[in-house]
Amino acid sequence: MRDVQPPITNDEQYRGYQLALEKLTKVVEAREQVLFENRHNPDRIEAARGDLLNILRKRQGILDAIRAYEHRQQSA
């Protein structure tokens, strides 16, 4: 399950996606910490899992777009 991002069409967009990936990686780390902190609270752990899953899907979509662009650039 991934969030699909628009394809990258130029180097400027590529740099923007890389910056977004860096930011989302930091958000993932924070959400992982929240999940860890709530591991013994049944009410909060489900919300923390959902938050983490949501951000991981967005991050994976960006990773997929970056990889596809890099692959196209190498093939060109």
PDB file of N, CA and C in Angstrom:
ATOM      1  N   MET A   1       0.842  -1.167   0.000  1.00  0.00           N
ATOM      2  CA  MET A   1       0.000   0.000   0.000  1.00  0.00           C
ATOM      3  C   MET A   1       0.895   1.240   0.000  1.00  0.00           C
ATOM      4  N   ARG A   2       0.832   2.002  -1.074  1.00  0.00           N
ATOM      5  CA  ARG A   2       1.680   3.181  -1.213  1.00  0.00           C
ATOM      6  C   ARG A   2       0.858   4.349  -1.714  1.00  0.00           C
ATOM      7  N   ASP A   3       1.282   5.523  -1.330  1.00  0.00           N
ATOM      8  CA  ASP A   3       0.718   6.736  -1.910  1.00  0.00           C
ATOM      9  C   ASP A   3       1.521   7.034  -3.169  1.00  0.00           C
ATOM     10  N   VAL A   4       0.858   7.131  -4.290  1.00  0.00           N
ATOM     11  CA  VAL A   4       1.535   7.379  -5.556  1.00  0.00           C
ATOM     12  C   VAL A   4       1.744   8.883  -5.717  1.00  0.00           C
ATOM     13  N   GLN A   5       2.969   9.257  -6.042  1.00  0.00           N
ATOM     14  CA  GLN A   5       3.324  10.650  -6.267  1.00  0.00           C
ATOM     15  C   GLN A   5       3.413  10.916  -7.765  1.00  0.00           C
ATOM     16  N   PRO A   6       3.222  12.156  -8.178  1.00  0.00           N
ATOM     17  CA  PRO A   6       3.390  12.468  -9.594  1.00  0.00           C
ATOM     18  C   PRO A   6       4.827  12.170 -10.027  1.00  0.00           C
ATOM     19  N   PRO A   7       5.025  11.769 -11.263  1.00  0.00           N
ATOM     20  CA  PRO A   7       6.380  11.475 -11.718  1.00  0.00           C
ATOM     21  C   PRO A   7       7.252  12.732 -11.721  1.00  0.00           C
ATOM     22  N   ILE A   8       8.513  12.521 -11.467  1.00  0.00           N
ATOM     23  CA  ILE A   8       9.500  13.606 -11.495  1.00  0.00           C
ATOM     24  C   ILE A   8       9.898  13.799 -12.948  1.00  0.00           C
ATOM     25  N   THR A   9       9.879  15.063 -13.405  1.00  0.00           N
ATOM     26  CA  THR A   9      10.174  15.323 -14.811  1.00  0.00           C
ATOM     27  C   THR A   9      11.440  16.127 -15.045  1.00  0.00           C
ATOM     28  N   ASN A  10      12.046  16.666 -13.965  1.00  0.00           N
ATOM     29  CA  ASN A  10      13.271  17.437 -14.164  1.00  0.00           C
ATOM     30  C   ASN A  10      14.105  17.446 -12.871  1.00  0.00           C
ATOM     31  N   ASP A  11      15.314  17.955 -12.990  1.00  0.00           N
ATOM     32  CA  ASP A  11      16.232  17.947 -11.846  1.00  0.00           C
ATOM     33  C   ASP A  11      15.757  18.822 -10.695  1.00  0.00           C
ATOM     34  N   GLU A  12      15.052  19.891 -10.985  1.00  0.00           N
ATOM     35  CA  GLU A  12      14.534  20.755  -9.918  1.00  0.00           C
ATOM     36  C   GLU A  12      13.499  20.000  -9.067  1.00  0.00           C
ATOM     37  N   GLN A  13      12.610  19.294  -9.732  1.00  0.00           N
ATOM     38  CA  GLN A  13      11.635  18.481  -9.005  1.00  0.00           C
ATOM     39  C   GLN A  13      12.338  17.373  -8.223  1.00  0.00           C
ATOM     40  N   TYR A  14      13.352  16.804  -8.828  1.00  0.00           N
ATOM     41  CA  TYR A  14      14.118  15.741  -8.171  1.00  0.00           C
ATOM     42  C   TYR A  14      14.701  16.242  -6.851  1.00  0.00           C
ATOM     43  N   ARG A  15      15.297  17.424  -6.873  1.00  0.00           N
ATOM     44  CA  ARG A  15      15.845  18.002  -5.632  1.00  0.00           C
ATOM     45  C   ARG A  15      14.737  18.265  -4.618  1.00  0.00           C
ATOM     46  N   GLY A  16      13.588  18.702  -5.079  1.00  0.00           N
ATOM     47  CA  GLY A  16      12.455  18.929  -4.188  1.00  0.00           C
ATOM     48  C   GLY A  16      11.976  17.636  -3.536  1.00  0.00           C
ATOM     49  N   TYR A  17      11.934  16.580  -4.309  1.00  0.00           N
ATOM     50  CA  TYR A  17      11.541  15.282  -3.762  1.00  0.00           C
ATOM     51  C   TYR A  17      12.570  14.793  -2.747  1.00  0.00           C
ATOM     52  N   GLN A  18      13.837  15.027  -3.018  1.00  0.00           N
ATOM     53  CA  GLN A  18      14.876  14.625  -2.068  1.00  0.00           C
ATOM     54  C   GLN A  18      14.718  15.377  -0.740  1.00  0.00           C
ATOM     55  N   LEU A  19      14.422  16.672  -0.820  1.00  0.00           N
ATOM     56  CA  LEU A  19      14.197  17.458   0.399  1.00  0.00           C
ATOM     57  C   LEU A  19      12.966  16.946   1.150  1.00  0.00           C
ATOM     58  N   ALA A  20      11.919  16.643   0.416  1.00  0.00           N
ATOM     59  CA  ALA A  20      10.707  16.109   1.041  1.00  0.00           C
ATOM     60  C   ALA A  20      10.997  14.769   1.717  1.00  0.00           C
ATOM     61  N   LEU A  21      11.816  13.954   1.081  1.00  0.00           N
ATOM     62  CA  LEU A  21      12.181  12.663   1.664  1.00  0.00           C
ATOM     63  C   LEU A  21      12.929  12.858   2.981  1.00  0.00           C
ATOM     64  N   GLU A  22      13.844  13.801   3.011  1.00  0.00           N
ATOM     65  CA  GLU A  22      14.577  14.092   4.252  1.00  0.00           C
ATOM     66  C   GLU A  22      13.617  14.516   5.361  1.00  0.00           C
ATOM     67  N   LYS A  23      12.687  15.400   5.030  1.00  0.00           N
ATOM     68  CA  LYS A  23      11.720  15.868   6.031  1.00  0.00           C
ATOM     69  C   LYS A  23      10.831  14.728   6.522  1.00  0.00           C
ATOM     70  N   LEU A  24      10.340  13.932   5.585  1.00  0.00           N
ATOM     71  CA  LEU A  24       9.461  12.832   5.979  1.00  0.00           C
ATOM     72  C   LEU A  24      10.198  11.773   6.793  1.00  0.00           C
ATOM     73  N   THR A  25      11.478  11.582   6.524  1.00  0.00           N
ATOM     74  CA  THR A  25      12.260  10.637   7.321  1.00  0.00           C
ATOM     75  C   THR A  25      12.311  11.088   8.775  1.00  0.00           C
ATOM     76  N   LYS A  26      12.448  12.378   8.994  1.00  0.00           N
ATOM     77  CA  LYS A  26      12.436  12.911  10.363  1.00  0.00           C
ATOM     78  C   LYS A  26      11.065  12.729  11.013  1.00  0.00           C
ATOM     79  N   VAL A  27      10.019  12.931  10.234  1.00  0.00           N
ATOM     80  CA  VAL A  27       8.666  12.733  10.757  1.00  0.00           C
ATOM     81  C   VAL A  27       8.454  11.264  11.116  1.00  0.00           C
ATOM     82  N   VAL A  28       8.942  10.364  10.264  1.00  0.00           N
ATOM     83  CA  VAL A  28       8.830   8.928  10.548  1.00  0.00           C
ATOM     84  C   VAL A  28       9.506   8.605  11.866  1.00  0.00           C
ATOM     85  N   GLU A  29      10.700   9.139  12.062  1.00  0.00           N
ATOM     86  CA  GLU A  29      11.418   8.879  13.311  1.00  0.00           C
ATOM     87  C   GLU A  29      10.617   9.347  14.518  1.00  0.00           C
ATOM     88  N   ALA A  30      10.001  10.514  14.410  1.00  0.00           N
ATOM     89  CA  ALA A  30       9.185  11.029  15.516  1.00  0.00           C
ATOM     90  C   ALA A  30       7.964  10.140  15.749  1.00  0.00           C
ATOM     91  N   ARG A  31       7.320   9.695  14.681  1.00  0.00           N
ATOM     92  CA  ARG A  31       6.139   8.840  14.811  1.00  0.00           C
ATOM     93  C   ARG A  31       6.517   7.467  15.377  1.00  0.00           C
ATOM     94  N   GLU A  32       7.700   6.987  15.009  1.00  0.00           N
ATOM     95  CA  GLU A  32       8.165   5.729  15.589  1.00  0.00           C
ATOM     96  C   GLU A  32       8.349   5.865  17.103  1.00  0.00           C
ATOM     97  N   GLN A  33       8.852   7.007  17.505  1.00  0.00           N
ATOM     98  CA  GLN A  33       9.047   7.252  18.939  1.00  0.00           C
ATOM     99  C   GLN A  33       7.699   7.281  19.668  1.00  0.00           C
ATOM    100  N   VAL A  34       6.714   7.927  19.081  1.00  0.00           N
ATOM    101  CA  VAL A  34       5.372   7.969  19.678  1.00  0.00           C
ATOM    102  C   VAL A  34       4.814   6.546  19.786  1.00  0.00           C
ATOM    103  N   LEU A  35       4.997   5.769  18.729  1.00  0.00           N
ATOM    104  CA  LEU A  35       4.530   4.379  18.760  1.00  0.00           C
ATOM    105  C   LEU A  35       5.207   3.618  19.899  1.00  0.00           C
ATOM    106  N   PHE A  36       6.496   3.769  20.005  1.00  0.00           N
ATOM    107  CA  PHE A  36       7.246   3.089  21.065  1.00  0.00           C
ATOM    108  C   PHE A  36       6.758   3.517  22.449  1.00  0.00           C
ATOM    109  N   GLU A  37       6.538   4.801  22.626  1.00  0.00           N
ATOM    110  CA  GLU A  37       6.107   5.329  23.924  1.00  0.00           C
ATOM    111  C   GLU A  37       4.703   4.833  24.306  1.00  0.00           C
ATOM    112  N   ASN A  38       3.894   4.517  23.325  1.00  0.00           N
ATOM    113  CA  ASN A  38       2.518   4.089  23.588  1.00  0.00           C
ATOM    114  C   ASN A  38       2.308   2.590  23.459  1.00  0.00           C
ATOM    115  N   ARG A  39       3.380   1.834  23.404  1.00  0.00           N
ATOM    116  CA  ARG A  39       3.277   0.396  23.149  1.00  0.00           C
ATOM    117  C   ARG A  39       2.471  -0.352  24.212  1.00  0.00           C
ATOM    118  N   HIS A  40       2.347   0.205  25.411  1.00  0.00           N
ATOM    119  CA  HIS A  40       1.593  -0.465  26.477  1.00  0.00           C
ATOM    120  C   HIS A  40       0.205   0.138  26.691  1.00  0.00           C
ATOM    121  N   ASN A  41      -0.185   1.065  25.849  1.00  0.00           N
ATOM    122  CA  ASN A  41      -1.485   1.712  25.980  1.00  0.00           C
ATOM    123  C   ASN A  41      -2.363   1.288  24.794  1.00  0.00           C
ATOM    124  N   PRO A  42      -3.260   0.337  25.020  1.00  0.00           N
ATOM    125  CA  PRO A  42      -4.062  -0.191  23.905  1.00  0.00           C
ATOM    126  C   PRO A  42      -4.879   0.868  23.167  1.00  0.00           C
ATOM    127  N   ASP A  43      -5.308   1.894  23.868  1.00  0.00           N
ATOM    128  CA  ASP A  43      -6.111   2.929  23.215  1.00  0.00           C
ATOM    129  C   ASP A  43      -5.271   3.811  22.290  1.00  0.00           C
ATOM    130  N   ARG A  44      -4.090   4.112  22.704  1.00  0.00           N
ATOM    131  CA  ARG A  44      -3.245   5.027  21.927  1.00  0.00           C
ATOM    132  C   ARG A  44      -2.389   4.337  20.873  1.00  0.00           C
ATOM    133  N   ILE A  45      -2.088   3.074  21.076  1.00  0.00           N
ATOM    134  CA  ILE A  45      -1.178   2.413  20.133  1.00  0.00           C
ATOM    135  C   ILE A  45      -1.789   2.309  18.743  1.00  0.00           C
ATOM    136  N   GLU A  46      -3.089   2.078  18.656  1.00  0.00           N
ATOM    137  CA  GLU A  46      -3.723   1.984  17.335  1.00  0.00           C
ATOM    138  C   GLU A  46      -3.642   3.306  16.590  1.00  0.00           C
ATOM    139  N   ALA A  47      -3.870   4.402  17.282  1.00  0.00           N
ATOM    140  CA  ALA A  47      -3.748   5.714  16.641  1.00  0.00           C
ATOM    141  C   ALA A  47      -2.306   5.962  16.200  1.00  0.00           C
ATOM    142  N   ALA A  48      -1.349   5.585  17.055  1.00  0.00           N
ATOM    143  CA  ALA A  48       0.063   5.768  16.721  1.00  0.00           C
ATOM    144  C   ALA A  48       0.444   4.904  15.516  1.00  0.00           C
ATOM    145  N   ARG A  49      -0.070   3.687  15.452  1.00  0.00           N
ATOM    146  CA  ARG A  49       0.196   2.816  14.295  1.00  0.00           C
ATOM    147  C   ARG A  49      -0.363   3.415  13.015  1.00  0.00           C
ATOM    148  N   GLY A  50      -1.577   3.937  13.111  1.00  0.00           N
ATOM    149  CA  GLY A  50      -2.198   4.557  11.937  1.00  0.00           C
ATOM    150  C   GLY A  50      -1.422   5.762  11.453  1.00  0.00           C
ATOM    151  N   ASP A  51      -0.978   6.605  12.378  1.00  0.00           N
ATOM    152  CA  ASP A  51      -0.176   7.777  12.008  1.00  0.00           C
ATOM    153  C   ASP A  51       1.119   7.366  11.326  1.00  0.00           C
ATOM    154  N   LEU A  52       1.778   6.358  11.902  1.00  0.00           N
ATOM    155  CA  LEU A  52       3.039   5.894  11.322  1.00  0.00           C
ATOM    156  C   LEU A  52       2.807   5.302   9.940  1.00  0.00           C
ATOM    157  N   LEU A  53       1.782   4.485   9.792  1.00  0.00           N
ATOM    158  CA  LEU A  53       1.490   3.894   8.488  1.00  0.00           C
ATOM    159  C   LEU A  53       1.228   4.970   7.435  1.00  0.00           C
ATOM    160  N   ASN A  54       0.459   5.976   7.798  1.00  0.00           N
ATOM    161  CA  ASN A  54       0.138   7.052   6.860  1.00  0.00           C
ATOM    162  C   ASN A  54       1.398   7.752   6.362  1.00  0.00           C
ATOM    163  N   ILE A  55       2.291   8.098   7.261  1.00  0.00           N
ATOM    164  CA  ILE A  55       3.499   8.822   6.850  1.00  0.00           C
ATOM    165  C   ILE A  55       4.455   7.896   6.092  1.00  0.00           C
ATOM    166  N   LEU A  56       4.496   6.615   6.465  1.00  0.00           N
ATOM    167  CA  LEU A  56       5.349   5.673   5.740  1.00  0.00           C
ATOM    168  C   LEU A  56       4.874   5.496   4.299  1.00  0.00           C
ATOM    169  N   ARG A  57       3.559   5.498   4.089  1.00  0.00           N
ATOM    170  CA  ARG A  57       3.020   5.382   2.733  1.00  0.00           C
ATOM    171  C   ARG A  57       3.428   6.582   1.888  1.00  0.00           C
ATOM    172  N   LYS A  58       3.332   7.768   2.460  1.00  0.00           N
ATOM    173  CA  LYS A  58       3.735   8.972   1.725  1.00  0.00           C
ATOM    174  C   LYS A  58       5.228   8.935   1.399  1.00  0.00           C
ATOM    175  N   ARG A  59       6.028   8.541   2.382  1.00  0.00           N
ATOM    176  CA  ARG A  59       7.480   8.457   2.190  1.00  0.00           C
ATOM    177  C   ARG A  59       7.814   7.437   1.107  1.00  0.00           C
ATOM    178  N   GLN A  60       7.127   6.296   1.117  1.00  0.00           N
ATOM    179  CA  GLN A  60       7.395   5.273   0.112  1.00  0.00           C
ATOM    180  C   GLN A  60       7.033   5.766  -1.285  1.00  0.00           C
ATOM    181  N   GLY A  61       5.955   6.524  -1.409  1.00  0.00           N
ATOM    182  CA  GLY A  61       5.590   7.087  -2.705  1.00  0.00           C
ATOM    183  C   GLY A  61       6.665   8.011  -3.240  1.00  0.00           C
ATOM    184  N   ILE A  62       7.258   8.796  -2.362  1.00  0.00           N
ATOM    185  CA  ILE A  62       8.348   9.691  -2.771  1.00  0.00           C
ATOM    186  C   ILE A  62       9.573   8.875  -3.164  1.00  0.00           C
ATOM    187  N   LEU A  63       9.891   7.859  -2.364  1.00  0.00           N
ATOM    188  CA  LEU A  63      11.025   6.985  -2.709  1.00  0.00           C
ATOM    189  C   LEU A  63      10.822   6.338  -4.074  1.00  0.00           C
ATOM    190  N   ASP A  64       9.625   5.852  -4.329  1.00  0.00           N
ATOM    191  CA  ASP A  64       9.329   5.220  -5.621  1.00  0.00           C
ATOM    192  C   ASP A  64       9.521   6.206  -6.769  1.00  0.00           C
ATOM    193  N   ALA A  65       9.059   7.430  -6.605  1.00  0.00           N
ATOM    194  CA  ALA A  65       9.195   8.448  -7.651  1.00  0.00           C
ATOM    195  C   ALA A  65      10.669   8.783  -7.877  1.00  0.00           C
ATOM    196  N   ILE A  66      11.431   8.900  -6.803  1.00  0.00           N
ATOM    197  CA  ILE A  66      12.866   9.188  -6.927  1.00  0.00           C
ATOM    198  C   ILE A  66      13.569   8.051  -7.665  1.00  0.00           C
ATOM    199  N   ARG A  67      13.290   6.834  -7.271  1.00  0.00           N
ATOM    200  CA  ARG A  67      13.933   5.673  -7.922  1.00  0.00           C
ATOM    201  C   ARG A  67      13.573   5.595  -9.396  1.00  0.00           C
ATOM    202  N   ALA A  68      12.317   5.852  -9.726  1.00  0.00           N
ATOM    203  CA  ALA A  68      11.892   5.816 -11.129  1.00  0.00           C
ATOM    204  C   ALA A  68      12.624   6.887 -11.937  1.00  0.00           C
ATOM    205  N   TYR A  69      12.763   8.073 -11.381  1.00  0.00           N
ATOM    206  CA  TYR A  69      13.471   9.155 -12.078  1.00  0.00           C
ATOM    207  C   TYR A  69      14.938   8.789 -12.266  1.00  0.00           C
ATOM    208  N   GLU A  70      15.561   8.287 -11.215  1.00  0.00           N
ATOM    209  CA  GLU A  70      16.972   7.894 -11.313  1.00  0.00           C
ATOM    210  C   GLU A  70      17.162   6.800 -12.357  1.00  0.00           C
ATOM    211  N   HIS A  71      16.233   5.867 -12.397  1.00  0.00           N
ATOM    212  CA  HIS A  71      16.306   4.794 -13.390  1.00  0.00           C
ATOM    213  C   HIS A  71      16.187   5.357 -14.807  1.00  0.00           C
ATOM    214  N   ARG A  72      15.247   6.274 -15.020  1.00  0.00           N
ATOM    215  CA  ARG A  72      15.089   6.893 -16.342  1.00  0.00           C
ATOM    216  C   ARG A  72      16.339   7.682 -16.726  1.00  0.00           C
ATOM    217  N   GLN A  73      16.955   8.361 -15.763  1.00  0.00           N
ATOM    218  CA  GLN A  73      18.154   9.154 -16.048  1.00  0.00           C
ATOM    219  C   GLN A  73      19.330   8.241 -16.419  1.00  0.00           C
ATOM    220  N   GLN A  74      19.445   7.108 -15.762  1.00  0.00           N
ATOM    221  CA  GLN A  74      20.528   6.166 -16.064  1.00  0.00           C
ATOM    222  C   GLN A  74      20.330   5.512 -17.423  1.00  0.00           C
ATOM    223  N   SER A  75      19.066   5.310 -17.787  1.00  0.00           N
ATOM    224  CA  SER A  75      18.749   4.659 -19.070  1.00  0.00           C
ATOM    225  C   SER A  75      18.897   5.607 -20.249  1.00  0.00           C
ATOM    226  N   ALA A  76      18.872   6.900 -19.987  1.00  0.00           N
ATOM    227  CA  ALA A  76      18.914   7.896 -21.066  1.00  0.00           C
ATOM    228  C   ALA A  76      20.300   8.055 -21.641  1.00  0.00           C
TER     229      ALA A  76
END
